[in-house]
Amino acid sequence: MPLSFVSGPARVRVPATSANLGPGFDALGLALALYDEVTARVTSSGCRVEVTGEGAGELPADDTHLVVRAMRTTFDVLGGQPSGVAVDCVNRIPQARGLGSSSAAIVAGVQLARALVTDGGQRLDDAGALRLAAEIEGHPDNVAPCLLGGFTIAWTETAESAARTGVLPGARAVSLPIAPAVQPVVFIPGERGLTSVARAALPATVPHRDAAFNAGRSALLVHALTTEPGLLLAATEDRLHQDYRAAGMPGTAALLTALRAAGVTAVVSGAGPTVLALTEPPAGFDPGMDWICQRLSVDVAGALVEGGRLGHAERDPVAAGRKS
């Protein structure tokens, strides 16, 4: 059936995210109350992109912009392309700092494309939106909390496991309520980092004892974040990625060490270089002049859409994997 597009604009608010949270490499993520807002509408021809805030003057203003690329990919999945699109981005999530700016752009694009098609939510449900966003990003640990909000556990169903369970292969996730005592604080440096560079620093194999160590800490972290925050310092110990990346981010490594020595539950946010603390630093703690310290609450709503035909109230929390 040919696509029918809505006549007015659609707007989406997408949160920043922090992935890994220490030991939960490529699996655990947290949505943070710092938002990009993106508005899109179908036009008669061409592509126009305007960016204000973070990335203004740097990000592309054509079809190569990540939001538009995600929209185009989603339109193809939905069944066809519009004659043109206009996109306005108000960006507050720092670029290339380990706070999920690329995942926010991808989720925004997927959700806007669904909203601009009159039956987009039926053609691609919430579970399908998560699979598609993770496919575009390459891994689900950031797109899951961005889409669902809260503290998420994400995994990928292989074709073999999907055949056994009766679900579609691809990314899946659950969102869990987080303990009120968890008070995120981010330390954002002026320098940027690239996920591809950070991943290149990781070894092809790790010792079995380190893998076992992280498996135990990841399980403990789920309990600590949802039920017993007093265990967070022990639960966020990691042997899979942070030490391997330290040489490429010496400032991040030094701040991480100083915070944890002060009893603060601190981890590298995603691939860095931002540091995420899950508990308040002690009074008078000074990270130095190179860091912007920002206290953020946990976002519990995830991507919120206004306008179009994909109202937030229409989302199916069971399909998306949300647990209430």
C-alpha atoms as a PDB file:
ATOM      1  CA  MET A   1       0.000   0.000   0.000  1.00  0.00           C
ATOM      2  CA  PRO A   2       1.447   3.438  -0.935  1.00  0.00           C
ATOM      3  CA  LEU A   3       2.509   5.680   1.905  1.00  0.00           C
ATOM      4  CA  SER A   4       0.380   8.595   3.016  1.00  0.00           C
ATOM      5  CA  PHE A   5       2.176  11.444   4.764  1.00  0.00           C
ATOM      6  CA  VAL A   6       0.806  13.852   7.365  1.00  0.00           C
ATOM      7  CA  SER A   7       0.524  17.493   6.354  1.00  0.00           C
ATOM      8  CA  GLY A   8       1.941  19.085   9.500  1.00  0.00           C
ATOM      9  CA  PRO A   9       5.246  18.821  11.357  1.00  0.00           C
ATOM     10  CA  ALA A  10       6.275  16.225  13.920  1.00  0.00           C
ATOM     11  CA  ARG A  11       8.629  16.924  16.797  1.00  0.00           C
ATOM     12  CA  VAL A  12      10.629  14.515  18.930  1.00  0.00           C
ATOM     13  CA  ARG A  13      12.561  15.046  22.138  1.00  0.00           C
ATOM     14  CA  VAL A  14      15.357  12.522  22.643  1.00  0.00           C
ATOM     15  CA  PRO A  15      17.501  12.131  25.790  1.00  0.00           C
ATOM     16  CA  ALA A  16      21.230  11.818  26.215  1.00  0.00           C
ATOM     17  CA  THR A  17      22.386   8.379  27.256  1.00  0.00           C
ATOM     18  CA  SER A  18      25.322   6.740  28.981  1.00  0.00           C
ATOM     19  CA  ALA A  19      26.232   3.193  27.984  1.00  0.00           C
ATOM     20  CA  ASN A  20      28.194   0.397  29.661  1.00  0.00           C
ATOM     21  CA  LEU A  21      27.963   1.874  33.200  1.00  0.00           C
ATOM     22  CA  GLY A  22      31.224   0.169  34.025  1.00  0.00           C
ATOM     23  CA  PRO A  23      30.966  -3.601  33.621  1.00  0.00           C
ATOM     24  CA  GLY A  24      27.874  -3.788  31.372  1.00  0.00           C
ATOM     25  CA  PHE A  25      29.785  -3.445  28.123  1.00  0.00           C
ATOM     26  CA  ASP A  26      27.482  -3.040  25.088  1.00  0.00           C
ATOM     27  CA  ALA A  27      24.486  -4.093  27.196  1.00  0.00           C
ATOM     28  CA  LEU A  28      23.581  -1.620  29.964  1.00  0.00           C
ATOM     29  CA  GLY A  29      22.500   1.975  29.459  1.00  0.00           C
ATOM     30  CA  LEU A  30      20.929   4.923  31.253  1.00  0.00           C
ATOM     31  CA  ALA A  31      18.816   7.782  29.861  1.00  0.00           C
ATOM     32  CA  LEU A  32      19.723  11.243  31.173  1.00  0.00           C
ATOM     33  CA  ALA A  33      17.605  14.405  31.292  1.00  0.00           C
ATOM     34  CA  LEU A  34      19.541  16.350  28.678  1.00  0.00           C
ATOM     35  CA  TYR A  35      17.708  16.604  25.378  1.00  0.00           C
ATOM     36  CA  ASP A  36      17.946  17.230  21.672  1.00  0.00           C
ATOM     37  CA  GLU A  37      14.703  18.402  20.065  1.00  0.00           C
ATOM     38  CA  VAL A  38      14.146  17.735  16.370  1.00  0.00           C
ATOM     39  CA  THR A  39      11.243  18.895  14.203  1.00  0.00           C
ATOM     40  CA  ALA A  40      10.580  17.530  10.724  1.00  0.00           C
ATOM     41  CA  ARG A  41       7.975  17.877   8.017  1.00  0.00           C
ATOM     42  CA  VAL A  42       7.427  16.575   4.506  1.00  0.00           C
ATOM     43  CA  THR A  43       8.071  19.123   1.749  1.00  0.00           C
ATOM     44  CA  SER A  44       7.529  19.244  -1.990  1.00  0.00           C
ATOM     45  CA  SER A  45      11.166  18.509  -2.844  1.00  0.00           C
ATOM     46  CA  GLY A  46      14.748  18.400  -1.649  1.00  0.00           C
ATOM     47  CA  CYS A  47      16.238  18.288   1.841  1.00  0.00           C
ATOM     48  CA  ARG A  48      16.870  21.145   4.240  1.00  0.00           C
ATOM     49  CA  VAL A  49      18.524  20.793   7.641  1.00  0.00           C
ATOM     50  CA  GLU A  50      19.082  23.550  10.204  1.00  0.00           C
ATOM     51  CA  VAL A  51      21.082  22.973  13.379  1.00  0.00           C
ATOM     52  CA  THR A  52      21.287  25.226  16.420  1.00  0.00           C
ATOM     53  CA  GLY A  53      23.218  24.515  19.584  1.00  0.00           C
ATOM     54  CA  GLU A  54      25.724  21.658  19.712  1.00  0.00           C
ATOM     55  CA  GLY A  55      27.208  20.904  16.303  1.00  0.00           C
ATOM     56  CA  ALA A  56      25.929  24.082  14.646  1.00  0.00           C
ATOM     57  CA  GLY A  57      28.152  24.989  11.729  1.00  0.00           C
ATOM     58  CA  GLU A  58      29.825  21.568  11.835  1.00  0.00           C
ATOM     59  CA  LEU A  59      27.121  19.007  11.106  1.00  0.00           C
ATOM     60  CA  PRO A  60      25.976  18.543   7.485  1.00  0.00           C
ATOM     61  CA  ALA A  61      22.849  20.320   6.260  1.00  0.00           C
ATOM     62  CA  ASP A  62      21.807  17.772   3.633  1.00  0.00           C
ATOM     63  CA  ASP A  63      20.896  14.101   3.226  1.00  0.00           C
ATOM     64  CA  THR A  64      24.133  13.047   4.914  1.00  0.00           C
ATOM     65  CA  HIS A  65      22.964  14.426   8.288  1.00  0.00           C
ATOM     66  CA  LEU A  66      22.482  11.453  10.604  1.00  0.00           C
ATOM     67  CA  VAL A  67      18.878  12.335  11.472  1.00  0.00           C
ATOM     68  CA  VAL A  68      17.975  12.457   7.773  1.00  0.00           C
ATOM     69  CA  ARG A  69      19.876   9.248   7.043  1.00  0.00           C
ATOM     70  CA  ALA A  70      17.912   7.492   9.802  1.00  0.00           C
ATOM     71  CA  MET A  71      14.667   8.972   8.462  1.00  0.00           C
ATOM     72  CA  ARG A  72      15.468   7.786   4.918  1.00  0.00           C
ATOM     73  CA  THR A  73      16.281   4.282   6.145  1.00  0.00           C
ATOM     74  CA  THR A  74      13.024   4.170   8.106  1.00  0.00           C
ATOM     75  CA  PHE A  75      10.968   5.483   5.194  1.00  0.00           C
ATOM     76  CA  ASP A  76      12.391   2.655   3.069  1.00  0.00           C
ATOM     77  CA  VAL A  77      11.301   0.132   5.706  1.00  0.00           C
ATOM     78  CA  LEU A  78       7.860   1.757   5.857  1.00  0.00           C
ATOM     79  CA  GLY A  79       7.435   1.484   2.103  1.00  0.00           C
ATOM     80  CA  GLY A  80       8.578   4.625   0.293  1.00  0.00           C
ATOM     81  CA  GLN A  81      10.194   8.062   0.366  1.00  0.00           C
ATOM     82  CA  PRO A  82       8.505  11.470   0.638  1.00  0.00           C
ATOM     83  CA  SER A  83       9.130  14.071  -2.056  1.00  0.00           C
ATOM     84  CA  GLY A  84      11.252  16.106   0.351  1.00  0.00           C
ATOM     85  CA  VAL A  85      11.962  16.775   4.029  1.00  0.00           C
ATOM     86  CA  ALA A  86      12.831  19.755   6.197  1.00  0.00           C
ATOM     87  CA  VAL A  87      14.522  19.142   9.555  1.00  0.00           C
ATOM     88  CA  ASP A  88      15.272  21.571  12.393  1.00  0.00           C
ATOM     89  CA  CYS A  89      17.566  20.390  15.189  1.00  0.00           C
ATOM     90  CA  VAL A  90      17.999  22.057  18.564  1.00  0.00           C
ATOM     91  CA  ASN A  91      20.957  20.171  20.008  1.00  0.00           C
ATOM     92  CA  ARG A  92      21.956  20.184  23.652  1.00  0.00           C
ATOM     93  CA  ILE A  93      23.727  16.813  23.873  1.00  0.00           C
ATOM     94  CA  PRO A  94      27.491  17.357  23.465  1.00  0.00           C
ATOM     95  CA  GLN A  95      28.905  15.806  20.303  1.00  0.00           C
ATOM     96  CA  ALA A  96      31.447  12.977  20.516  1.00  0.00           C
ATOM     97  CA  ARG A  97      31.663  13.015  24.311  1.00  0.00           C
ATOM     98  CA  GLY A  98      30.212   9.593  25.194  1.00  0.00           C
ATOM     99  CA  LEU A  99      26.672  10.850  25.879  1.00  0.00           C
ATOM    100  CA  GLY A 100      24.889   9.199  22.976  1.00  0.00           C
ATOM    101  CA  SER A 101      24.580  12.086  20.521  1.00  0.00           C
ATOM    102  CA  SER A 102      24.633   9.745  17.512  1.00  0.00           C
ATOM    103  CA  SER A 103      22.074   7.416  19.067  1.00  0.00           C
ATOM    104  CA  ALA A 104      19.841  10.404  19.825  1.00  0.00           C
ATOM    105  CA  ALA A 105      20.028  11.452  16.175  1.00  0.00           C
ATOM    106  CA  ILE A 106      19.217   7.930  14.993  1.00  0.00           C
ATOM    107  CA  VAL A 107      16.282   7.483  17.359  1.00  0.00           C
ATOM    108  CA  ALA A 108      14.998  10.932  16.409  1.00  0.00           C
ATOM    109  CA  GLY A 109      15.123  10.021  12.735  1.00  0.00           C
ATOM    110  CA  VAL A 110      13.366   6.691  13.201  1.00  0.00           C
ATOM    111  CA  GLN A 111      10.617   8.192  15.335  1.00  0.00           C
ATOM    112  CA  LEU A 112      10.078  11.205  13.074  1.00  0.00           C
ATOM    113  CA  ALA A 113       9.728   9.033   9.986  1.00  0.00           C
ATOM    114  CA  ARG A 114       7.159   6.857  11.763  1.00  0.00           C
ATOM    115  CA  ALA A 115       5.278   9.960  12.906  1.00  0.00           C
ATOM    116  CA  LEU A 116       5.196  11.540   9.444  1.00  0.00           C
ATOM    117  CA  VAL A 117       3.542   8.471   7.900  1.00  0.00           C
ATOM    118  CA  THR A 118      -0.166   8.269   8.699  1.00  0.00           C
ATOM    119  CA  ASP A 119       0.030   4.621   9.719  1.00  0.00           C
ATOM    120  CA  GLY A 120       3.739   4.561  10.578  1.00  0.00           C
ATOM    121  CA  GLY A 121       3.157   3.106  14.027  1.00  0.00           C
ATOM    122  CA  GLN A 122       1.316   0.146  12.509  1.00  0.00           C
ATOM    123  CA  ARG A 123       3.835  -0.451   9.745  1.00  0.00           C
ATOM    124  CA  LEU A 124       6.739  -0.350  12.221  1.00  0.00           C
ATOM    125  CA  ASP A 125       5.894  -0.983  15.873  1.00  0.00           C
ATOM    126  CA  ASP A 126       8.018   0.004  18.880  1.00  0.00           C
ATOM    127  CA  ALA A 127       9.884  -3.292  18.925  1.00  0.00           C
ATOM    128  CA  GLY A 128      10.657  -2.849  15.234  1.00  0.00           C
ATOM    129  CA  ALA A 129      11.809   0.721  15.851  1.00  0.00           C
ATOM    130  CA  LEU A 130      14.317  -0.534  18.430  1.00  0.00           C
ATOM    131  CA  ARG A 131      15.612  -3.217  16.071  1.00  0.00           C
ATOM    132  CA  LEU A 132      16.007  -0.706  13.257  1.00  0.00           C
ATOM    133  CA  ALA A 133      17.711   1.942  15.411  1.00  0.00           C
ATOM    134  CA  ALA A 134      20.174  -0.655  16.744  1.00  0.00           C
ATOM    135  CA  GLU A 135      20.850  -1.890  13.214  1.00  0.00           C
ATOM    136  CA  ILE A 136      21.678   1.649  12.071  1.00  0.00           C
ATOM    137  CA  GLU A 137      23.851   2.339  15.143  1.00  0.00           C
ATOM    138  CA  GLY A 138      25.545  -1.060  15.151  1.00  0.00           C
ATOM    139  CA  HIS A 139      24.770  -1.907  18.790  1.00  0.00           C
ATOM    140  CA  PRO A 140      21.751  -1.383  21.069  1.00  0.00           C
ATOM    141  CA  ASP A 141      23.255  -0.102  24.337  1.00  0.00           C
ATOM    142  CA  ASN A 142      22.595   3.606  23.661  1.00  0.00           C
ATOM    143  CA  VAL A 143      19.531   3.484  21.417  1.00  0.00           C
ATOM    144  CA  ALA A 144      17.645   1.351  23.955  1.00  0.00           C
ATOM    145  CA  PRO A 145      17.627   3.910  26.815  1.00  0.00           C
ATOM    146  CA  CYS A 146      17.161   6.738  24.308  1.00  0.00           C
ATOM    147  CA  LEU A 147      14.004   5.101  22.976  1.00  0.00           C
ATOM    148  CA  LEU A 148      12.638   3.595  26.191  1.00  0.00           C
ATOM    149  CA  GLY A 149      14.025   5.824  28.956  1.00  0.00           C
ATOM    150  CA  GLY A 150      15.309   4.767  32.362  1.00  0.00           C
ATOM    151  CA  PHE A 151      17.875   2.043  33.017  1.00  0.00           C
ATOM    152  CA  THR A 152      17.918  -0.494  30.207  1.00  0.00           C
ATOM    153  CA  ILE A 153      19.341  -3.923  29.556  1.00  0.00           C
ATOM    154  CA  ALA A 154      19.739  -4.586  25.838  1.00  0.00           C
ATOM    155  CA  TRP A 155      20.661  -7.706  23.935  1.00  0.00           C
ATOM    156  CA  THR A 156      20.518  -9.056  20.394  1.00  0.00           C
ATOM    157  CA  GLU A 157      18.516 -12.097  19.405  1.00  0.00           C
ATOM    158  CA  THR A 158      20.442 -14.196  16.908  1.00  0.00           C
ATOM    159  CA  ALA A 159      18.603 -15.954  14.114  1.00  0.00           C
ATOM    160  CA  GLU A 160      19.061 -19.248  15.958  1.00  0.00           C
ATOM    161  CA  SER A 161      17.730 -18.013  19.295  1.00  0.00           C
ATOM    162  CA  ALA A 162      14.892 -16.122  17.600  1.00  0.00           C
ATOM    163  CA  ALA A 163      13.794 -19.306  15.859  1.00  0.00           C
ATOM    164  CA  ARG A 164      13.598 -21.066  19.206  1.00  0.00           C
ATOM    165  CA  THR A 165      11.765 -18.279  21.029  1.00  0.00           C
ATOM    166  CA  GLY A 166       9.451 -17.207  18.236  1.00  0.00           C
ATOM    167  CA  VAL A 167      10.601 -13.555  18.204  1.00  0.00           C
ATOM    168  CA  LEU A 168      12.237 -11.643  15.386  1.00  0.00           C
ATOM    169  CA  PRO A 169      16.033 -11.524  15.311  1.00  0.00           C
ATOM    170  CA  GLY A 170      17.691  -8.256  16.272  1.00  0.00           C
ATOM    171  CA  ALA A 171      17.885  -5.944  19.264  1.00  0.00           C
ATOM    172  CA  ARG A 172      15.623  -6.277  22.257  1.00  0.00           C
ATOM    173  CA  ALA A 173      15.613  -4.404  25.563  1.00  0.00           C
ATOM    174  CA  VAL A 174      13.894  -4.007  28.887  1.00  0.00           C
ATOM    175  CA  SER A 175      13.640  -0.795  30.892  1.00  0.00           C
ATOM    176  CA  LEU A 176      13.785  -1.044  34.688  1.00  0.00           C
ATOM    177  CA  PRO A 177      12.910   1.544  37.357  1.00  0.00           C
ATOM    178  CA  ILE A 178      15.951   2.993  39.050  1.00  0.00           C
ATOM    179  CA  ALA A 179      16.439   3.618  42.781  1.00  0.00           C
ATOM    180  CA  PRO A 180      15.766   7.248  43.789  1.00  0.00           C
ATOM    181  CA  ALA A 181      19.150   7.493  45.504  1.00  0.00           C
ATOM    182  CA  VAL A 182      20.913   7.291  42.141  1.00  0.00           C
ATOM    183  CA  GLN A 183      21.861  10.901  41.309  1.00  0.00           C
ATOM    184  CA  PRO A 184      23.800  11.140  38.035  1.00  0.00           C
ATOM    185  CA  VAL A 185      26.523  13.753  37.627  1.00  0.00           C
ATOM    186  CA  VAL A 186      28.439  14.077  34.375  1.00  0.00           C
ATOM    187  CA  PHE A 187      31.934  15.525  33.981  1.00  0.00           C
ATOM    188  CA  ILE A 188      32.242  16.697  30.381  1.00  0.00           C
ATOM    189  CA  PRO A 189      35.670  17.622  28.968  1.00  0.00           C
ATOM    190  CA  GLY A 190      36.370  20.110  26.218  1.00  0.00           C
ATOM    191  CA  GLU A 191      38.082  17.468  24.110  1.00  0.00           C
ATOM    192  CA  ARG A 192      36.156  15.052  21.942  1.00  0.00           C
ATOM    193  CA  GLY A 193      36.516  11.334  21.445  1.00  0.00           C
ATOM    194  CA  LEU A 194      35.497   8.916  18.724  1.00  0.00           C
ATOM    195  CA  THR A 195      33.807   5.595  19.485  1.00  0.00           C
ATOM    196  CA  SER A 196      35.695   3.964  16.605  1.00  0.00           C
ATOM    197  CA  VAL A 197      39.031   4.979  18.132  1.00  0.00           C
ATOM    198  CA  ALA A 198      37.993   3.816  21.599  1.00  0.00           C
ATOM    199  CA  ARG A 199      36.849   0.458  20.232  1.00  0.00           C
ATOM    200  CA  ALA A 200      40.115   0.041  18.348  1.00  0.00           C
ATOM    201  CA  ALA A 201      41.951   0.128  21.694  1.00  0.00           C
ATOM    202  CA  LEU A 202      40.173  -3.023  22.875  1.00  0.00           C
ATOM    203  CA  PRO A 203      41.884  -6.415  22.541  1.00  0.00           C
ATOM    204  CA  ALA A 204      40.401  -9.156  20.380  1.00  0.00           C
ATOM    205  CA  THR A 205      40.289 -11.517  23.392  1.00  0.00           C
ATOM    206  CA  VAL A 206      40.276 -11.120  27.164  1.00  0.00           C
ATOM    207  CA  PRO A 207      41.203 -13.529  29.961  1.00  0.00           C
ATOM    208  CA  HIS A 208      38.400 -15.812  31.100  1.00  0.00           C
ATOM    209  CA  ARG A 209      38.784 -14.568  34.678  1.00  0.00           C
ATOM    210  CA  ASP A 210      38.130 -10.991  33.522  1.00  0.00           C
ATOM    211  CA  ALA A 211      35.022 -12.017  31.608  1.00  0.00           C
ATOM    212  CA  ALA A 212      33.769 -13.890  34.679  1.00  0.00           C
ATOM    213  CA  PHE A 213      34.552 -10.888  36.883  1.00  0.00           C
ATOM    214  CA  ASN A 214      32.481  -8.570  34.681  1.00  0.00           C
ATOM    215  CA  ALA A 215      29.597 -11.017  34.448  1.00  0.00           C
ATOM    216  CA  GLY A 216      29.311 -10.999  38.219  1.00  0.00           C
ATOM    217  CA  ARG A 217      29.641  -7.236  38.503  1.00  0.00           C
ATOM    218  CA  SER A 218      27.037  -6.669  35.776  1.00  0.00           C
ATOM    219  CA  ALA A 219      24.527  -8.828  37.595  1.00  0.00           C
ATOM    220  CA  LEU A 220      25.287  -6.998  40.842  1.00  0.00           C
ATOM    221  CA  LEU A 221      24.921  -3.639  39.077  1.00  0.00           C
ATOM    222  CA  VAL A 222      21.334  -4.409  38.063  1.00  0.00           C
ATOM    223  CA  HIS A 223      20.498  -5.060  41.719  1.00  0.00           C
ATOM    224  CA  ALA A 224      22.420  -1.998  42.920  1.00  0.00           C
ATOM    225  CA  LEU A 225      20.804   0.423  40.461  1.00  0.00           C
ATOM    226  CA  THR A 226      17.274  -0.789  41.056  1.00  0.00           C
ATOM    227  CA  THR A 227      17.293  -1.806  44.713  1.00  0.00           C
ATOM    228  CA  GLU A 228      20.473  -1.251  46.740  1.00  0.00           C
ATOM    229  CA  PRO A 229      22.585   1.752  45.628  1.00  0.00           C
ATOM    230  CA  GLY A 230      24.974   1.170  48.515  1.00  0.00           C
ATOM    231  CA  LEU A 231      26.545  -1.575  46.394  1.00  0.00           C
ATOM    232  CA  LEU A 232      27.206   0.675  43.393  1.00  0.00           C
ATOM    233  CA  LEU A 233      30.907   1.238  43.991  1.00  0.00           C
ATOM    234  CA  ALA A 234      31.676  -2.479  43.947  1.00  0.00           C
ATOM    235  CA  ALA A 235      29.123  -3.152  41.213  1.00  0.00           C
ATOM    236  CA  THR A 236      30.728  -0.718  38.757  1.00  0.00           C
ATOM    237  CA  GLU A 237      34.191  -2.292  38.749  1.00  0.00           C
ATOM    238  CA  ASP A 238      35.258  -3.210  35.216  1.00  0.00           C
ATOM    239  CA  ARG A 239      38.002  -5.244  33.559  1.00  0.00           C
ATOM    240  CA  LEU A 240      36.792  -5.377  29.946  1.00  0.00           C
ATOM    241  CA  HIS A 241      37.214  -1.911  28.481  1.00  0.00           C
ATOM    242  CA  GLN A 242      38.057   1.045  30.739  1.00  0.00           C
ATOM    243  CA  ASP A 243      41.685   0.143  31.498  1.00  0.00           C
ATOM    244  CA  TYR A 244      42.398  -0.654  27.845  1.00  0.00           C
ATOM    245  CA  ARG A 245      41.115   2.789  26.820  1.00  0.00           C
ATOM    246  CA  ALA A 246      42.883   4.722  29.584  1.00  0.00           C
ATOM    247  CA  ALA A 247      46.062   5.483  27.637  1.00  0.00           C
ATOM    248  CA  GLY A 248      44.044   7.246  24.934  1.00  0.00           C
ATOM    249  CA  MET A 249      42.109   9.316  27.491  1.00  0.00           C
ATOM    250  CA  PRO A 250      44.588  10.136  30.290  1.00  0.00           C
ATOM    251  CA  GLY A 251      42.481  12.992  31.678  1.00  0.00           C
ATOM    252  CA  THR A 252      39.424  10.768  31.847  1.00  0.00           C
ATOM    253  CA  ALA A 253      41.388   7.980  33.522  1.00  0.00           C
ATOM    254  CA  ALA A 254      42.852  10.357  36.104  1.00  0.00           C
ATOM    255  CA  LEU A 255      39.465  11.851  37.000  1.00  0.00           C
ATOM    256  CA  LEU A 256      37.893   8.397  37.199  1.00  0.00           C
ATOM    257  CA  THR A 257      40.616   7.257  39.591  1.00  0.00           C
ATOM    258  CA  ALA A 258      40.271  10.372  41.755  1.00  0.00           C
ATOM    259  CA  LEU A 259      36.486  10.074  42.017  1.00  0.00           C
ATOM    260  CA  ARG A 260      36.532   6.402  42.918  1.00  0.00           C
ATOM    261  CA  ALA A 261      39.304   6.995  45.463  1.00  0.00           C
ATOM    262  CA  ALA A 262      36.947   9.536  47.062  1.00  0.00           C
ATOM    263  CA  GLY A 263      34.237   6.858  47.283  1.00  0.00           C
ATOM    264  CA  VAL A 264      32.233   8.159  44.315  1.00  0.00           C
ATOM    265  CA  THR A 265      30.640   5.619  41.970  1.00  0.00           C
ATOM    266  CA  ALA A 266      32.211   6.818  38.723  1.00  0.00           C
ATOM    267  CA  VAL A 267      32.536   5.161  35.301  1.00  0.00           C
ATOM    268  CA  VAL A 268      33.534   6.153  31.795  1.00  0.00           C
ATOM    269  CA  SER A 269      30.383   7.246  29.979  1.00  0.00           C
ATOM    270  CA  GLY A 270      30.095   5.094  26.890  1.00  0.00           C
ATOM    271  CA  ALA A 271      33.344   5.264  24.936  1.00  0.00           C
ATOM    272  CA  GLY A 272      34.307   8.477  26.773  1.00  0.00           C
ATOM    273  CA  PRO A 273      35.761  10.934  27.345  1.00  0.00           C
ATOM    274  CA  THR A 274      32.911  12.039  29.659  1.00  0.00           C
ATOM    275  CA  VAL A 275      32.902  10.570  33.163  1.00  0.00           C
ATOM    276  CA  LEU A 276      29.582   9.608  34.744  1.00  0.00           C
ATOM    277  CA  ALA A 277      29.146   9.561  38.513  1.00  0.00           C
ATOM    278  CA  LEU A 278      26.084   7.767  39.843  1.00  0.00           C
ATOM    279  CA  THR A 279      26.448   9.287  43.299  1.00  0.00           C
ATOM    280  CA  GLU A 280      27.212  12.854  44.381  1.00  0.00           C
ATOM    281  CA  PRO A 281      30.899  13.829  44.682  1.00  0.00           C
ATOM    282  CA  PRO A 282      31.932  14.986  48.177  1.00  0.00           C
ATOM    283  CA  ALA A 283      31.631  18.683  48.985  1.00  0.00           C
ATOM    284  CA  GLY A 284      34.583  20.609  47.671  1.00  0.00           C
ATOM    285  CA  PHE A 285      35.657  17.989  45.134  1.00  0.00           C
ATOM    286  CA  ASP A 286      37.439  19.826  42.309  1.00  0.00           C
ATOM    287  CA  PRO A 287      37.709  18.003  38.965  1.00  0.00           C
ATOM    288  CA  GLY A 288      39.864  20.794  37.517  1.00  0.00           C
ATOM    289  CA  MET A 289      39.313  23.538  34.983  1.00  0.00           C
ATOM    290  CA  ASP A 290      39.070  21.179  31.999  1.00  0.00           C
ATOM    291  CA  TRP A 291      35.760  19.688  33.123  1.00  0.00           C
ATOM    292  CA  ILE A 292      32.178  20.919  33.094  1.00  0.00           C
ATOM    293  CA  CYS A 293      30.257  19.333  35.977  1.00  0.00           C
ATOM    294  CA  GLN A 294      26.540  18.931  35.346  1.00  0.00           C
ATOM    295  CA  ARG A 295      23.947  17.261  37.569  1.00  0.00           C
ATOM    296  CA  LEU A 296      21.257  15.455  35.607  1.00  0.00           C
ATOM    297  CA  SER A 297      18.223  13.467  36.630  1.00  0.00           C
ATOM    298  CA  VAL A 298      17.384  10.114  35.090  1.00  0.00           C
ATOM    299  CA  ASP A 299      15.029  10.435  32.128  1.00  0.00           C
ATOM    300  CA  VAL A 300      12.194   7.934  32.487  1.00  0.00           C
ATOM    301  CA  ALA A 301      10.142   8.760  29.364  1.00  0.00           C
ATOM    302  CA  GLY A 302      12.566   8.092  26.532  1.00  0.00           C
ATOM    303  CA  ALA A 303      11.878   9.526  23.080  1.00  0.00           C
ATOM    304  CA  LEU A 304       8.724  11.665  23.148  1.00  0.00           C
ATOM    305  CA  VAL A 305       6.929  12.506  19.906  1.00  0.00           C
ATOM    306  CA  GLU A 306       4.508  15.386  19.377  1.00  0.00           C
ATOM    307  CA  GLY A 307       2.472  15.922  16.232  1.00  0.00           C
ATOM    308  CA  GLY A 308       2.215  13.540  13.322  1.00  0.00           C
ATOM    309  CA  ARG A 309       0.514  10.215  13.939  1.00  0.00           C
ATOM    310  CA  LEU A 310       2.806   8.708  16.550  1.00  0.00           C
ATOM    311  CA  GLY A 311       1.672  10.149  19.850  1.00  0.00           C
ATOM    312  CA  HIS A 312       3.543   8.919  22.901  1.00  0.00           C
ATOM    313  CA  ALA A 313       0.302   7.488  24.288  1.00  0.00           C
ATOM    314  CA  GLU A 314       0.125   5.084  21.340  1.00  0.00           C
ATOM    315  CA  ARG A 315       3.391   3.384  22.214  1.00  0.00           C
ATOM    316  CA  ASP A 316       3.165  -0.273  23.117  1.00  0.00           C
ATOM    317  CA  PRO A 317       5.329  -0.750  26.223  1.00  0.00           C
ATOM    318  CA  VAL A 318       5.148  -4.544  26.079  1.00  0.00           C
ATOM    319  CA  ALA A 319       6.405  -4.667  22.500  1.00  0.00           C
ATOM    320  CA  ALA A 320       9.155  -2.238  23.374  1.00  0.00           C
ATOM    321  CA  GLY A 321      10.215  -4.345  26.333  1.00  0.00           C
ATOM    322  CA  ARG A 322       9.364  -1.876  29.085  1.00  0.00           C
ATOM    323  CA  LYS A 323       8.776  -3.330  32.534  1.00  0.00           C
ATOM    324  CA  SER A 324       6.558  -1.365  34.903  1.00  0.00           C
END
